[in-house]
Amino acid sequence: MALLERIKSTMADTIRRTGANTGLGREYKSIFDLQDVPAFNQFYNIGIFPWKYLYRGFYKPWHEIPAPTIADPEHKRNLCYLNMSAAVCAEIAGMVWTDQCDVDVSTVGYENAEADPLHDFIQHVLDKNNFQTKMTESIEQAAALGGHALKAWYEARRDRDGNEIPGTGDIQIGYAMADQFVPVGWTNAGVSEAIFVSRQAKGGYYYTLLEWHLWDGTTYTIRNELYRAEMKKDGVGGDQDILGFRYPLSYLYPYLDEEVRMDVSKSLFTYFRTPRANNIDDNSPLGISMYALHAIDICFDSFVREFRLGKKRIIVPARMIRKVVDPATGKQVRYFDATDETYEALSTDDPDSLKIQDNSVSLRVEEHVEAMNALLNLFCLQVGLSFGTFSFDAHGGLKTATEVVSENSKTYKTIKNFQNQIIPAVKSLIDAIIEVAALYEMTWQGRSIEELARAGYEVKVSLDDGITQDRQTNINEGLTLVGAGLMSKYKFLTDPKYGQNLTEEDAQAELERIANESTVTMPQLDIRDFNGIE
């Protein structure tokens, strides 16, 4: 049976390679031409792809504008842009996820996280995958493109013969931007089936790997497909976005199976989106970008060009400019220093105009700064931030407010809504990590991950609110409630807003320690500390 499968696979690879090399196979222009892929091409073309260009800073339909001159009526130029898209996404990501954010896993039967092997294993996986830093980047990219996907898989190093090296297997976490992720199946609870897209260039071709995550009843299936598209000789155009012809998977991924079927309870990926309704395609589970305001770049471009167009100019009579005959055209042209931008010639019969005149104009700096700040306030309103979060001045450029944000502000509400989207996604990622570890029978500290998970566990994601509000004020309020008898110590220790946000097990252990300490009297302390000392 295995031999027959190898023969069939070899024949399929030969047919695909021949079809791609001869052009006789079917060429797919995009992933949306494939069967079973939802028709989201319009949403990607008018939404995600333009958002990605704006996130990079330059979007040709916005930033390339006509600038006709006498010498070239068809001349175009690029707008000077402030790249507010990257600035606001970085600012939001820094408030949503900080180094104070914690992911804790508590297994039933373990009183504290320090002794919990499952918690220790999860921390090992997250640290090895640089999760804290990568998560901040992922949130920034999600704010830019509307969403982000995370996935988990098992990978081991191999020797020269392709054999796995024992003891090198570990869990890897993948981070996919919105343009590298296409949902296939979803419910109100989230996306359960999807395609992950990855591209690379090699030998004059673009290769696209499609990784399908599908459910066949209760069986989870991962299917891998490779496509090849030829690069254009001039290198111009969006040919890297063409899917191309189906190609043998083993050409680039010799150790990757075309299809893997596994028995798991949950999808091995998760997706989170921005806290905004999709007003472009209300049938799509994808999110939308946090920004869209073209006027800021127009105003900033005017501000920059004000210094060029308002430069010093001196008007001189045209007869004072020497003329020569251009040998190429036979026409007379003015002859003066071509690099001198100060002097301009004026031809007139008015005797009063035949004088050298300084025609310098005053710069409208203050007017531009006021206009920029008005547009920045409008921009803050659109992205869900409080007025004054961003400001502009002629000396320091773009500035960000650093004052404490109150709970009633737009910024606080936006950040909390974004965090509410991220917390379930991180919990789902932890579930996926444990599923993969159990699937490959991984152990940690001599304990089976599958056995530890079977006993039951709880995932707690703590996102520090100190980034958006005065946390000490909330703690003081919590202490006041405890002192007045309106809140228990247990509630204070577990409450994420007014307390310490501990897990139930950690809170119970802390209360027991407090009780034990309160039973120790001062004379007992003296005896313990000074026993045997005269």
Protein backbone atom coordinates (compact mmCIF):
# COMPACT_ATOMS: atom_id res chain seq x y z
CA MET A 1 0.00 0.00 0.00
CA ALA A 2 2.86 2.36 0.86
CA LEU A 3 4.56 1.56 -2.46
CA LEU A 4 1.37 2.34 -4.37
CA GLU A 5 1.04 5.67 -2.57
CA ARG A 6 4.64 6.60 -3.45
CA ILE A 7 4.02 5.74 -7.12
CA LYS A 8 0.87 7.85 -7.19
CA SER A 9 2.68 10.75 -5.50
CA THR A 10 5.60 10.55 -7.96
CA MET A 11 3.25 10.54 -10.95
CA ALA A 12 1.32 13.55 -9.56
CA ASP A 13 4.58 15.46 -9.03
CA THR A 14 5.70 14.69 -12.59
CA ILE A 15 2.39 15.90 -14.04
CA ARG A 16 2.51 19.11 -11.98
CA ARG A 17 6.14 19.85 -12.90
CA THR A 18 5.45 19.22 -16.60
CA GLY A 19 2.33 21.37 -16.55
CA ALA A 20 4.21 24.26 -14.91
CA ASN A 21 7.25 24.00 -17.21
CA THR A 22 5.23 23.79 -20.42
CA GLY A 23 2.40 26.12 -19.42
CA LEU A 24 -0.14 23.40 -20.23
CA GLY A 25 -1.33 23.17 -16.63
CA ARG A 26 -3.89 25.50 -15.13
CA GLU A 27 -2.51 28.83 -13.98
CA TYR A 28 -4.24 30.47 -11.02
CA LYS A 29 -4.17 34.25 -10.91
CA SER A 30 -4.88 34.39 -7.18
CA ILE A 31 -5.75 32.21 -4.25
CA PHE A 32 -9.40 33.19 -4.67
CA ASP A 33 -9.51 31.26 -7.96
CA LEU A 34 -9.16 28.01 -6.01
CA GLN A 35 -12.13 25.88 -5.16
CA ASP A 36 -13.46 26.12 -1.58
CA VAL A 37 -11.88 29.56 -1.02
CA PRO A 38 -14.44 32.25 -0.08
CA ALA A 39 -14.76 35.13 -2.56
CA PHE A 40 -13.02 37.71 -0.37
CA ASN A 41 -10.83 39.04 -3.20
CA GLN A 42 -12.63 42.41 -3.25
CA PHE A 43 -12.10 42.89 0.49
CA TYR A 44 -8.39 42.10 0.14
CA ASN A 45 -7.98 44.33 -2.93
CA ILE A 46 -9.75 47.41 -1.59
CA GLY A 47 -8.93 46.86 2.07
CA ILE A 48 -6.03 44.74 3.26
CA PHE A 49 -3.59 45.37 0.38
CA PRO A 50 -3.99 49.21 0.41
CA TRP A 51 -3.75 49.18 4.23
CA LYS A 52 -0.44 47.36 3.97
CA TYR A 53 0.95 49.99 1.60
CA LEU A 54 -0.25 52.75 3.91
CA TYR A 55 1.36 50.98 6.87
CA ARG A 56 4.64 51.01 4.97
CA GLY A 57 4.14 54.73 4.36
CA PHE A 58 3.61 55.04 0.60
CA TYR A 59 0.40 54.20 -1.27
CA LYS A 60 0.67 55.18 -4.93
CA PRO A 61 -3.00 56.16 -5.56
CA TRP A 62 -2.75 58.53 -2.59
CA HIS A 63 0.83 59.72 -2.64
CA GLU A 64 1.65 60.07 -6.34
CA ILE A 65 -0.02 63.24 -7.62
CA PRO A 66 0.12 65.28 -10.88
CA ALA A 67 2.69 68.11 -10.84
CA PRO A 68 2.76 69.49 -14.41
CA THR A 69 5.54 71.86 -15.40
CA ILE A 70 6.26 73.86 -18.55
CA ALA A 71 8.97 71.38 -19.47
CA ASP A 72 6.88 68.28 -18.63
CA PRO A 73 3.06 68.66 -18.57
CA GLU A 74 2.75 64.97 -17.54
CA HIS A 75 5.15 65.26 -14.62
CA LYS A 76 4.17 63.60 -11.33
CA ARG A 77 5.65 63.82 -7.88
CA ASN A 78 5.31 62.03 -4.54
CA LEU A 79 3.58 63.66 -1.60
CA CYS A 80 5.64 64.22 1.52
CA TYR A 81 3.96 61.96 4.08
CA LEU A 82 3.97 61.77 7.86
CA ASN A 83 3.29 57.98 8.00
CA MET A 84 0.69 58.37 10.72
CA SER A 85 -0.52 54.84 10.02
CA ALA A 86 2.65 53.27 11.45
CA ALA A 87 2.79 55.80 14.29
CA VAL A 88 -0.75 55.19 15.55
CA CYS A 89 -0.47 51.39 15.23
CA ALA A 90 2.78 51.38 17.24
CA GLU A 91 1.20 53.63 19.88
CA ILE A 92 -1.87 51.39 20.23
CA ALA A 93 0.24 48.21 20.39
CA GLY A 94 2.40 49.73 23.13
CA MET A 95 -0.67 50.42 25.25
CA VAL A 96 -2.40 47.09 24.58
CA TRP A 97 0.58 44.81 25.31
CA THR A 98 3.55 45.66 27.55
CA ASP A 99 6.29 43.75 29.35
CA GLN A 100 3.95 43.64 32.36
CA CYS A 101 1.59 41.28 30.52
CA ASP A 102 1.65 37.74 31.92
CA VAL A 103 0.36 34.36 30.76
CA ASP A 104 -0.15 31.93 33.64
CA VAL A 105 -1.21 28.29 33.43
CA SER A 106 -2.36 26.59 36.62
CA THR A 107 -2.85 22.81 36.67
CA VAL A 108 -5.32 21.17 39.03
CA GLY A 109 -3.39 19.81 41.99
CA TYR A 110 -0.63 22.42 42.05
CA GLU A 111 -0.91 25.26 44.54
CA ASN A 112 1.58 27.67 42.94
CA ALA A 113 2.93 28.29 39.46
CA GLU A 114 6.56 27.81 40.47
CA ALA A 115 6.02 24.09 41.07
CA ASP A 116 3.62 23.53 38.15
CA PRO A 117 5.39 21.65 35.30
CA LEU A 118 2.70 22.57 32.76
CA HIS A 119 3.09 26.27 33.58
CA ASP A 120 6.87 25.91 33.30
CA PHE A 121 6.54 24.15 29.93
CA ILE A 122 4.29 26.89 28.51
CA GLN A 123 6.71 29.59 29.70
CA HIS A 124 9.55 27.70 28.02
CA VAL A 125 7.68 27.59 24.70
CA LEU A 126 6.69 31.27 24.88
CA ASP A 127 10.20 32.41 25.81
CA LYS A 128 11.84 30.32 23.09
CA ASN A 129 9.51 31.85 20.51
CA ASN A 130 10.15 35.40 21.77
CA PHE A 131 6.44 35.70 22.46
CA GLN A 132 6.47 38.97 24.42
CA THR A 133 8.26 40.93 21.67
CA LYS A 134 6.54 39.21 18.76
CA MET A 135 3.12 39.75 20.31
CA THR A 136 3.68 43.51 20.41
CA GLU A 137 4.63 43.40 16.72
CA SER A 138 1.59 41.25 15.93
CA ILE A 139 -0.78 43.68 17.62
CA GLU A 140 0.77 46.59 15.74
CA GLN A 141 0.32 44.75 12.43
CA ALA A 142 -3.23 43.76 13.42
CA ALA A 143 -4.08 47.41 14.06
CA ALA A 144 -2.72 48.20 10.59
CA LEU A 145 -4.36 45.41 8.57
CA GLY A 146 -7.37 44.54 10.70
CA GLY A 147 -6.27 41.26 12.29
CA HIS A 148 -3.54 38.70 12.92
CA ALA A 149 -3.27 34.91 13.15
CA LEU A 150 -1.14 32.70 15.42
CA LYS A 151 -0.48 29.00 14.97
CA ALA A 152 1.46 26.25 16.74
CA TRP A 153 3.29 23.23 15.34
CA TYR A 154 5.97 20.69 16.23
CA GLU A 155 9.40 20.81 14.60
CA ALA A 156 12.68 18.94 15.11
CA ARG A 157 16.12 19.43 13.60
CA ARG A 158 17.35 16.89 11.05
CA ASP A 159 20.72 15.45 10.08
CA ARG A 160 22.17 15.42 6.57
CA ASP A 161 20.22 12.27 5.71
CA GLY A 162 16.94 13.90 6.70
CA ASN A 163 16.46 11.93 9.90
CA GLU A 164 15.11 13.69 12.98
CA ILE A 165 17.70 14.30 15.68
CA PRO A 166 16.34 12.86 18.95
CA GLY A 167 15.70 15.38 21.71
CA THR A 168 15.56 18.42 19.38
CA GLY A 169 11.79 18.56 18.88
CA ASP A 170 9.96 21.58 20.23
CA ILE A 171 6.84 23.67 19.72
CA GLN A 172 7.07 26.56 17.25
CA ILE A 173 4.72 29.56 17.08
CA GLY A 174 3.93 31.19 13.74
CA TYR A 175 2.76 34.79 13.32
CA ALA A 176 0.77 35.63 10.17
CA MET A 177 -0.31 39.09 9.00
CA ALA A 178 -3.79 39.57 7.56
CA ASP A 179 -2.58 39.32 3.94
CA GLN A 180 -1.04 35.89 4.76
CA PHE A 181 -4.26 34.46 6.17
CA VAL A 182 -7.55 33.56 4.47
CA PRO A 183 -10.48 32.24 6.55
CA VAL A 184 -12.34 29.27 5.11
CA GLY A 185 -14.74 28.28 7.89
CA TRP A 186 -16.01 30.23 10.89
CA THR A 187 -18.82 30.67 13.40
CA ASN A 188 -19.74 33.39 15.85
CA ALA A 189 -17.14 31.88 18.17
CA GLY A 190 -14.32 32.56 15.70
CA VAL A 191 -12.45 31.19 12.69
CA SER A 192 -12.04 27.40 12.74
CA GLU A 193 -10.71 26.71 9.22
CA ALA A 194 -8.22 28.80 7.27
CA ILE A 195 -5.36 28.98 4.78
CA PHE A 196 -1.91 30.27 5.72
CA VAL A 197 0.00 31.81 2.79
CA SER A 198 3.80 32.11 2.61
CA ARG A 199 5.90 33.22 -0.36
CA GLN A 200 9.55 33.15 -1.37
CA ALA A 201 11.57 33.94 -4.49
CA LYS A 202 14.06 31.50 -5.96
CA GLY A 203 15.71 31.05 -9.36
CA GLY A 204 13.54 33.55 -11.22
CA TYR A 205 10.25 32.26 -9.79
CA TYR A 206 7.88 33.09 -6.96
CA TYR A 207 6.87 30.07 -4.88
CA THR A 208 3.69 30.18 -2.78
CA LEU A 209 2.98 27.63 -0.07
CA LEU A 210 -0.67 27.20 0.94
CA GLU A 211 -1.21 25.51 4.29
CA TRP A 212 -4.85 24.49 4.64
CA HIS A 213 -6.27 23.88 8.13
CA LEU A 214 -9.57 22.03 7.72
CA TRP A 215 -11.99 19.85 9.67
CA ASP A 216 -13.20 16.62 8.11
CA GLY A 217 -15.90 15.73 10.59
CA THR A 218 -14.00 15.31 13.86
CA THR A 219 -10.64 14.84 12.15
CA TYR A 220 -8.32 17.82 11.86
CA THR A 221 -6.52 17.95 8.51
CA ILE A 222 -3.55 20.03 7.40
CA ARG A 223 -2.96 20.05 3.65
CA ASN A 224 0.09 21.62 1.99
CA GLU A 225 0.20 22.83 -1.63
CA LEU A 226 3.00 24.57 -3.54
CA TYR A 227 2.49 26.91 -6.53
CA ARG A 228 5.02 28.55 -8.84
CA ALA A 229 4.76 31.79 -10.85
CA GLU A 230 7.43 33.16 -13.18
CA MET A 231 8.94 36.55 -12.40
CA LYS A 232 8.53 39.21 -15.06
CA LYS A 233 11.77 39.93 -16.85
CA ASP A 234 11.56 43.66 -16.17
CA GLY A 235 10.68 43.07 -12.54
CA VAL A 236 7.73 45.44 -12.84
CA GLY A 237 4.22 44.64 -11.70
CA GLY A 238 2.50 42.60 -9.04
CA ASP A 239 3.54 39.21 -10.46
CA GLN A 240 4.55 38.08 -6.95
CA ASP A 241 0.84 38.07 -6.09
CA ILE A 242 0.03 35.62 -8.92
CA LEU A 243 -0.44 32.11 -7.55
CA GLY A 244 0.72 30.40 -10.75
CA PHE A 245 0.90 26.66 -11.53
CA ARG A 246 0.67 23.80 -9.02
CA TYR A 247 4.20 22.49 -8.36
CA PRO A 248 5.68 19.49 -6.50
CA LEU A 249 5.83 20.22 -2.78
CA SER A 250 9.08 18.30 -2.33
CA TYR A 251 10.95 20.80 -4.52
CA LEU A 252 11.19 23.30 -1.64
CA TYR A 253 9.87 21.28 1.31
CA PRO A 254 11.24 17.71 1.08
CA TYR A 255 10.20 16.84 4.65
CA LEU A 256 6.71 18.32 4.52
CA ASP A 257 3.76 15.96 4.01
CA GLU A 258 1.08 16.89 1.53
CA GLU A 259 -1.61 15.92 4.00
CA VAL A 260 -1.63 15.20 7.73
CA ARG A 261 -4.70 13.98 9.59
CA MET A 262 -4.75 14.20 13.38
CA ASP A 263 -7.03 13.65 16.34
CA VAL A 264 -7.26 16.94 18.23
CA SER A 265 -10.14 18.75 19.91
CA LYS A 266 -9.41 22.31 18.71
CA SER A 267 -7.93 24.09 15.72
CA LEU A 268 -4.17 24.57 15.98
CA PHE A 269 -4.37 28.27 15.18
CA THR A 270 -6.18 31.34 16.45
CA TYR A 271 -7.17 34.69 14.97
CA PHE A 272 -7.80 38.04 16.62
CA ARG A 273 -9.05 41.26 15.05
CA THR A 274 -9.42 44.94 15.79
CA PRO A 275 -12.38 46.00 17.98
CA ARG A 276 -14.25 47.57 15.08
CA ALA A 277 -17.14 46.29 12.99
CA ASN A 278 -16.28 45.35 9.42
CA ASN A 279 -18.16 48.01 7.44
CA ILE A 280 -16.59 46.92 4.13
CA ASP A 281 -17.78 43.30 4.05
CA ASP A 282 -20.26 42.47 6.80
CA ASN A 283 -20.21 38.78 5.81
CA SER A 284 -16.50 38.45 6.53
CA PRO A 285 -15.02 37.41 9.91
CA LEU A 286 -11.98 39.58 9.20
CA GLY A 287 -11.36 42.88 10.95
CA ILE A 288 -10.63 46.29 9.44
CA SER A 289 -7.77 48.72 9.85
CA MET A 290 -7.68 51.29 12.64
CA TYR A 291 -6.77 54.21 10.38
CA ALA A 292 -7.78 56.06 7.20
CA LEU A 293 -7.23 59.80 6.76
CA HIS A 294 -5.66 61.07 3.56
CA ALA A 295 -5.92 64.76 4.49
CA ILE A 296 -3.06 64.57 7.03
CA ASP A 297 -0.52 63.74 4.34
CA ILE A 298 -1.91 66.46 2.05
CA CYS A 299 -1.55 69.03 4.83
CA PHE A 300 1.94 67.81 5.79
CA ASP A 301 3.02 67.93 2.15
CA SER A 302 1.80 71.52 1.93
CA PHE A 303 3.69 72.32 5.14
CA VAL A 304 6.95 70.92 3.74
CA ARG A 305 6.52 72.54 0.32
CA GLU A 306 5.76 75.87 1.97
CA PHE A 307 9.49 76.25 2.57
CA ARG A 308 10.31 75.41 -1.04
CA LEU A 309 7.61 77.48 -2.70
CA GLY A 310 8.05 80.36 -0.25
CA LYS A 311 11.79 80.67 -0.80
CA LYS A 312 13.45 84.01 -1.56
CA ARG A 313 12.94 85.23 -5.15
CA ILE A 314 14.29 88.37 -6.87
CA ILE A 315 12.54 89.65 -10.00
CA VAL A 316 14.83 91.07 -12.70
CA PRO A 317 13.96 92.48 -16.18
CA ALA A 318 14.09 89.86 -18.90
CA ARG A 319 16.40 92.04 -21.04
CA MET A 320 19.04 91.70 -18.34
CA ILE A 321 19.17 87.95 -18.99
CA ARG A 322 21.48 86.97 -21.81
CA LYS A 323 20.02 84.76 -24.55
CA VAL A 324 21.77 82.22 -26.77
CA VAL A 325 20.62 79.97 -29.60
CA ASP A 326 20.15 76.36 -28.64
CA PRO A 327 22.03 74.43 -31.38
CA ALA A 328 19.73 71.42 -30.98
CA THR A 329 16.42 73.26 -31.43
CA GLY A 330 17.45 76.57 -33.00
CA LYS A 331 15.43 78.45 -30.35
CA GLN A 332 16.68 81.25 -28.15
CA VAL A 333 16.88 80.41 -24.49
CA ARG A 334 17.85 82.36 -21.41
CA TYR A 335 21.44 81.92 -20.39
CA PHE A 336 22.20 82.10 -16.68
CA ASP A 337 23.28 79.83 -13.84
CA ALA A 338 20.93 76.84 -14.09
CA THR A 339 21.38 76.06 -10.40
CA ASP A 340 20.37 79.53 -9.24
CA GLU A 341 16.79 79.45 -7.94
CA THR A 342 16.70 82.97 -6.57
CA TYR A 343 16.39 85.11 -9.72
CA GLU A 344 13.34 85.12 -11.99
CA ALA A 345 13.06 87.05 -15.29
CA LEU A 346 10.06 89.28 -16.03
CA SER A 347 9.29 90.63 -19.48
CA THR A 348 7.20 93.85 -19.43
CA ASP A 349 6.88 97.27 -21.05
CA ASP A 350 6.05 98.99 -17.77
CA PRO A 351 9.03 101.19 -16.84
CA ASP A 352 8.26 100.78 -13.14
CA SER A 353 8.57 97.02 -13.47
CA LEU A 354 11.99 97.23 -15.10
CA LYS A 355 13.64 97.31 -11.71
CA ILE A 356 15.22 94.59 -9.61
CA GLN A 357 12.68 93.67 -6.93
CA ASP A 358 12.75 91.40 -3.88
CA ASN A 359 9.56 89.33 -4.12
CA SER A 360 9.97 87.14 -1.00
CA VAL A 361 6.76 86.01 0.77
CA SER A 362 6.13 85.24 4.43
CA LEU A 363 5.82 81.57 5.39
CA ARG A 364 2.47 80.32 6.70
CA VAL A 365 3.95 78.09 9.39
CA GLU A 366 1.42 78.76 12.16
CA GLU A 367 -1.54 78.24 9.81
CA HIS A 368 -0.17 74.86 8.76
CA VAL A 369 0.52 73.78 12.35
CA GLU A 370 -3.05 74.68 13.36
CA ALA A 371 -4.43 72.77 10.38
CA MET A 372 -2.26 69.73 11.19
CA ASN A 373 -3.44 69.67 14.82
CA ALA A 374 -7.07 69.96 13.73
CA LEU A 375 -6.63 67.03 11.36
CA LEU A 376 -4.75 65.02 14.00
CA ASN A 377 -7.66 65.49 16.40
CA LEU A 378 -10.02 64.25 13.69
CA PHE A 379 -7.67 61.33 13.10
CA CYS A 380 -7.72 60.47 16.83
CA LEU A 381 -11.52 60.49 16.72
CA GLN A 382 -11.53 58.05 13.79
CA VAL A 383 -9.12 55.55 15.36
CA GLY A 384 -10.74 55.71 18.81
CA LEU A 385 -8.17 57.78 20.70
CA SER A 386 -8.73 60.83 22.87
CA PHE A 387 -8.27 64.35 21.49
CA GLY A 388 -4.68 65.49 21.88
CA THR A 389 -3.18 61.99 21.81
CA PHE A 390 -1.14 63.18 18.81
CA SER A 391 -0.01 66.76 18.21
CA PHE A 392 2.33 68.57 15.84
CA ASP A 393 4.59 71.58 16.19
CA ALA A 394 7.11 73.22 13.89
CA HIS A 395 10.07 72.50 16.18
CA GLY A 396 9.56 68.95 17.44
CA GLY A 397 7.35 67.52 14.70
CA LEU A 398 4.89 64.78 15.66
CA LYS A 399 4.41 64.29 19.41
CA THR A 400 2.49 61.80 21.55
CA ALA A 401 0.72 62.62 24.81
CA THR A 402 2.09 60.75 27.83
CA GLU A 403 -0.34 61.77 30.56
CA VAL A 404 -2.40 59.23 32.49
CA VAL A 405 -5.61 58.28 30.71
CA SER A 406 -8.84 58.12 32.69
CA GLU A 407 -11.35 55.29 32.44
CA ASN A 408 -13.89 57.52 30.73
CA SER A 409 -11.58 58.51 27.87
CA LYS A 410 -11.86 57.14 24.33
CA THR A 411 -8.29 55.83 24.51
CA TYR A 412 -9.03 53.70 27.57
CA LYS A 413 -12.17 52.22 26.02
CA THR A 414 -10.41 51.45 22.73
CA ILE A 415 -7.48 49.74 24.45
CA LYS A 416 -9.76 47.69 26.72
CA ASN A 417 -11.84 46.58 23.73
CA PHE A 418 -8.68 45.57 21.88
CA GLN A 419 -7.44 43.63 24.91
CA ASN A 420 -10.79 41.84 25.08
CA GLN A 421 -10.15 40.61 21.54
CA ILE A 422 -6.61 39.44 22.32
CA ILE A 423 -7.14 37.58 25.60
CA PRO A 424 -9.30 34.76 24.09
CA ALA A 425 -6.83 34.44 21.21
CA VAL A 426 -3.87 33.97 23.57
CA LYS A 427 -5.83 31.39 25.58
CA SER A 428 -6.62 29.52 22.34
CA LEU A 429 -2.93 29.61 21.40
CA ILE A 430 -2.00 28.01 24.74
CA ASP A 431 -4.63 25.32 24.11
CA ALA A 432 -3.09 24.71 20.66
CA ILE A 433 0.41 24.41 22.16
CA ILE A 434 -0.82 21.81 24.66
CA GLU A 435 -2.71 19.93 21.91
CA VAL A 436 0.43 19.71 19.74
CA ALA A 437 2.62 18.70 22.70
CA ALA A 438 0.16 15.93 23.62
CA LEU A 439 -0.08 14.82 19.99
CA TYR A 440 3.70 14.28 19.79
CA GLU A 441 3.86 12.77 23.30
CA MET A 442 6.13 15.48 24.64
CA THR A 443 7.24 15.47 28.27
CA TRP A 444 8.51 18.11 30.66
CA GLN A 445 10.37 17.47 33.91
CA GLY A 446 9.63 13.79 33.44
CA ARG A 447 5.87 14.36 33.24
CA SER A 448 3.69 13.76 30.19
CA ILE A 449 2.09 16.96 28.90
CA GLU A 450 -0.99 14.98 27.91
CA GLU A 451 -1.41 13.60 31.44
CA LEU A 452 -0.92 17.03 33.02
CA ALA A 453 -3.52 18.57 30.69
CA ARG A 454 -5.96 15.74 31.27
CA ALA A 455 -6.06 16.63 34.98
CA GLY A 456 -7.44 20.04 34.00
CA TYR A 457 -5.82 23.45 33.74
CA GLU A 458 -6.72 27.13 33.70
CA VAL A 459 -5.13 29.82 31.51
CA LYS A 460 -5.06 33.36 32.88
CA VAL A 461 -3.89 36.27 30.71
CA SER A 462 -3.11 39.43 32.67
CA LEU A 463 -2.83 42.61 30.63
CA ASP A 464 -1.55 45.43 32.80
CA ASP A 465 -4.00 48.34 32.92
CA GLY A 466 -1.23 50.64 34.14
CA ILE A 467 -0.62 51.53 30.52
CA THR A 468 -3.95 53.31 30.29
CA GLN A 469 -4.91 54.39 33.76
CA ASP A 470 -3.53 55.24 37.20
CA ARG A 471 -3.28 51.72 38.67
CA GLN A 472 -2.25 52.93 42.12
CA THR A 473 -5.52 54.83 42.42
CA ASN A 474 -7.46 51.62 41.76
CA ILE A 475 -5.38 49.68 44.31
CA ASN A 476 -5.98 52.34 46.95
CA GLU A 477 -9.70 52.16 46.22
CA GLY A 478 -9.57 48.37 46.60
CA LEU A 479 -7.76 48.68 49.94
CA THR A 480 -10.42 51.12 51.11
CA LEU A 481 -13.17 48.65 50.19
CA VAL A 482 -11.38 45.84 52.05
CA GLY A 483 -10.89 48.06 55.11
CA ALA A 484 -14.58 49.03 55.09
CA GLY A 485 -15.61 45.38 54.89
CA LEU A 486 -17.14 45.80 51.43
CA MET A 487 -14.62 43.52 49.67
CA SER A 488 -12.97 40.31 50.86
CA LYS A 489 -9.20 39.85 50.86
CA TYR A 490 -9.67 36.95 48.47
CA LYS A 491 -11.56 39.19 46.03
CA PHE A 492 -8.86 41.85 46.34
CA LEU A 493 -6.11 39.37 45.49
CA THR A 494 -7.93 37.96 42.44
CA ASP A 495 -9.56 41.13 41.11
CA PRO A 496 -7.76 42.39 37.94
CA LYS A 497 -8.91 45.98 38.37
CA TYR A 498 -8.79 46.84 42.06
CA GLY A 499 -6.44 44.11 43.25
CA GLN A 500 -3.47 41.96 42.30
CA ASN A 501 -5.06 39.74 39.60
CA LEU A 502 -3.76 36.49 41.09
CA THR A 503 -5.10 33.08 40.13
CA GLU A 504 -7.49 31.40 42.55
CA GLU A 505 -4.79 28.93 43.67
CA ASP A 506 -2.18 31.65 44.19
CA ALA A 507 -4.68 33.81 46.09
CA GLN A 508 -5.64 30.92 48.38
CA ALA A 509 -1.97 30.13 49.04
CA GLU A 510 -1.26 33.78 49.81
CA LEU A 511 -4.15 33.96 52.28
CA GLU A 512 -2.83 30.84 54.03
CA ARG A 513 0.62 32.39 54.34
CA ILE A 514 -0.91 35.58 55.74
CA ALA A 515 -2.88 33.51 58.29
CA ASN A 516 0.23 31.58 59.32
CA GLU A 517 2.23 34.78 59.73
CA SER A 518 -0.50 36.36 61.88
CA THR A 519 -0.33 33.44 64.35
CA VAL A 520 3.34 34.12 65.04
CA THR A 521 3.61 36.53 68.01
CA MET A 522 6.48 38.88 68.73
CA PRO A 523 7.90 36.78 71.63
CA GLN A 524 7.90 33.78 69.31
CA LEU A 525 9.79 35.79 66.72
CA ASP A 526 12.33 36.79 69.36
CA ILE A 527 12.81 33.18 70.38
CA ARG A 528 13.15 32.04 66.72
CA ASP A 529 15.53 34.81 65.73
CA PHE A 530 17.69 34.92 68.83
CA ASN A 531 17.53 31.37 70.13
CA GLY A 532 20.94 30.45 71.43
CA ILE A 533 22.24 34.03 71.28
CA GLU A 534 23.14 35.63 74.61
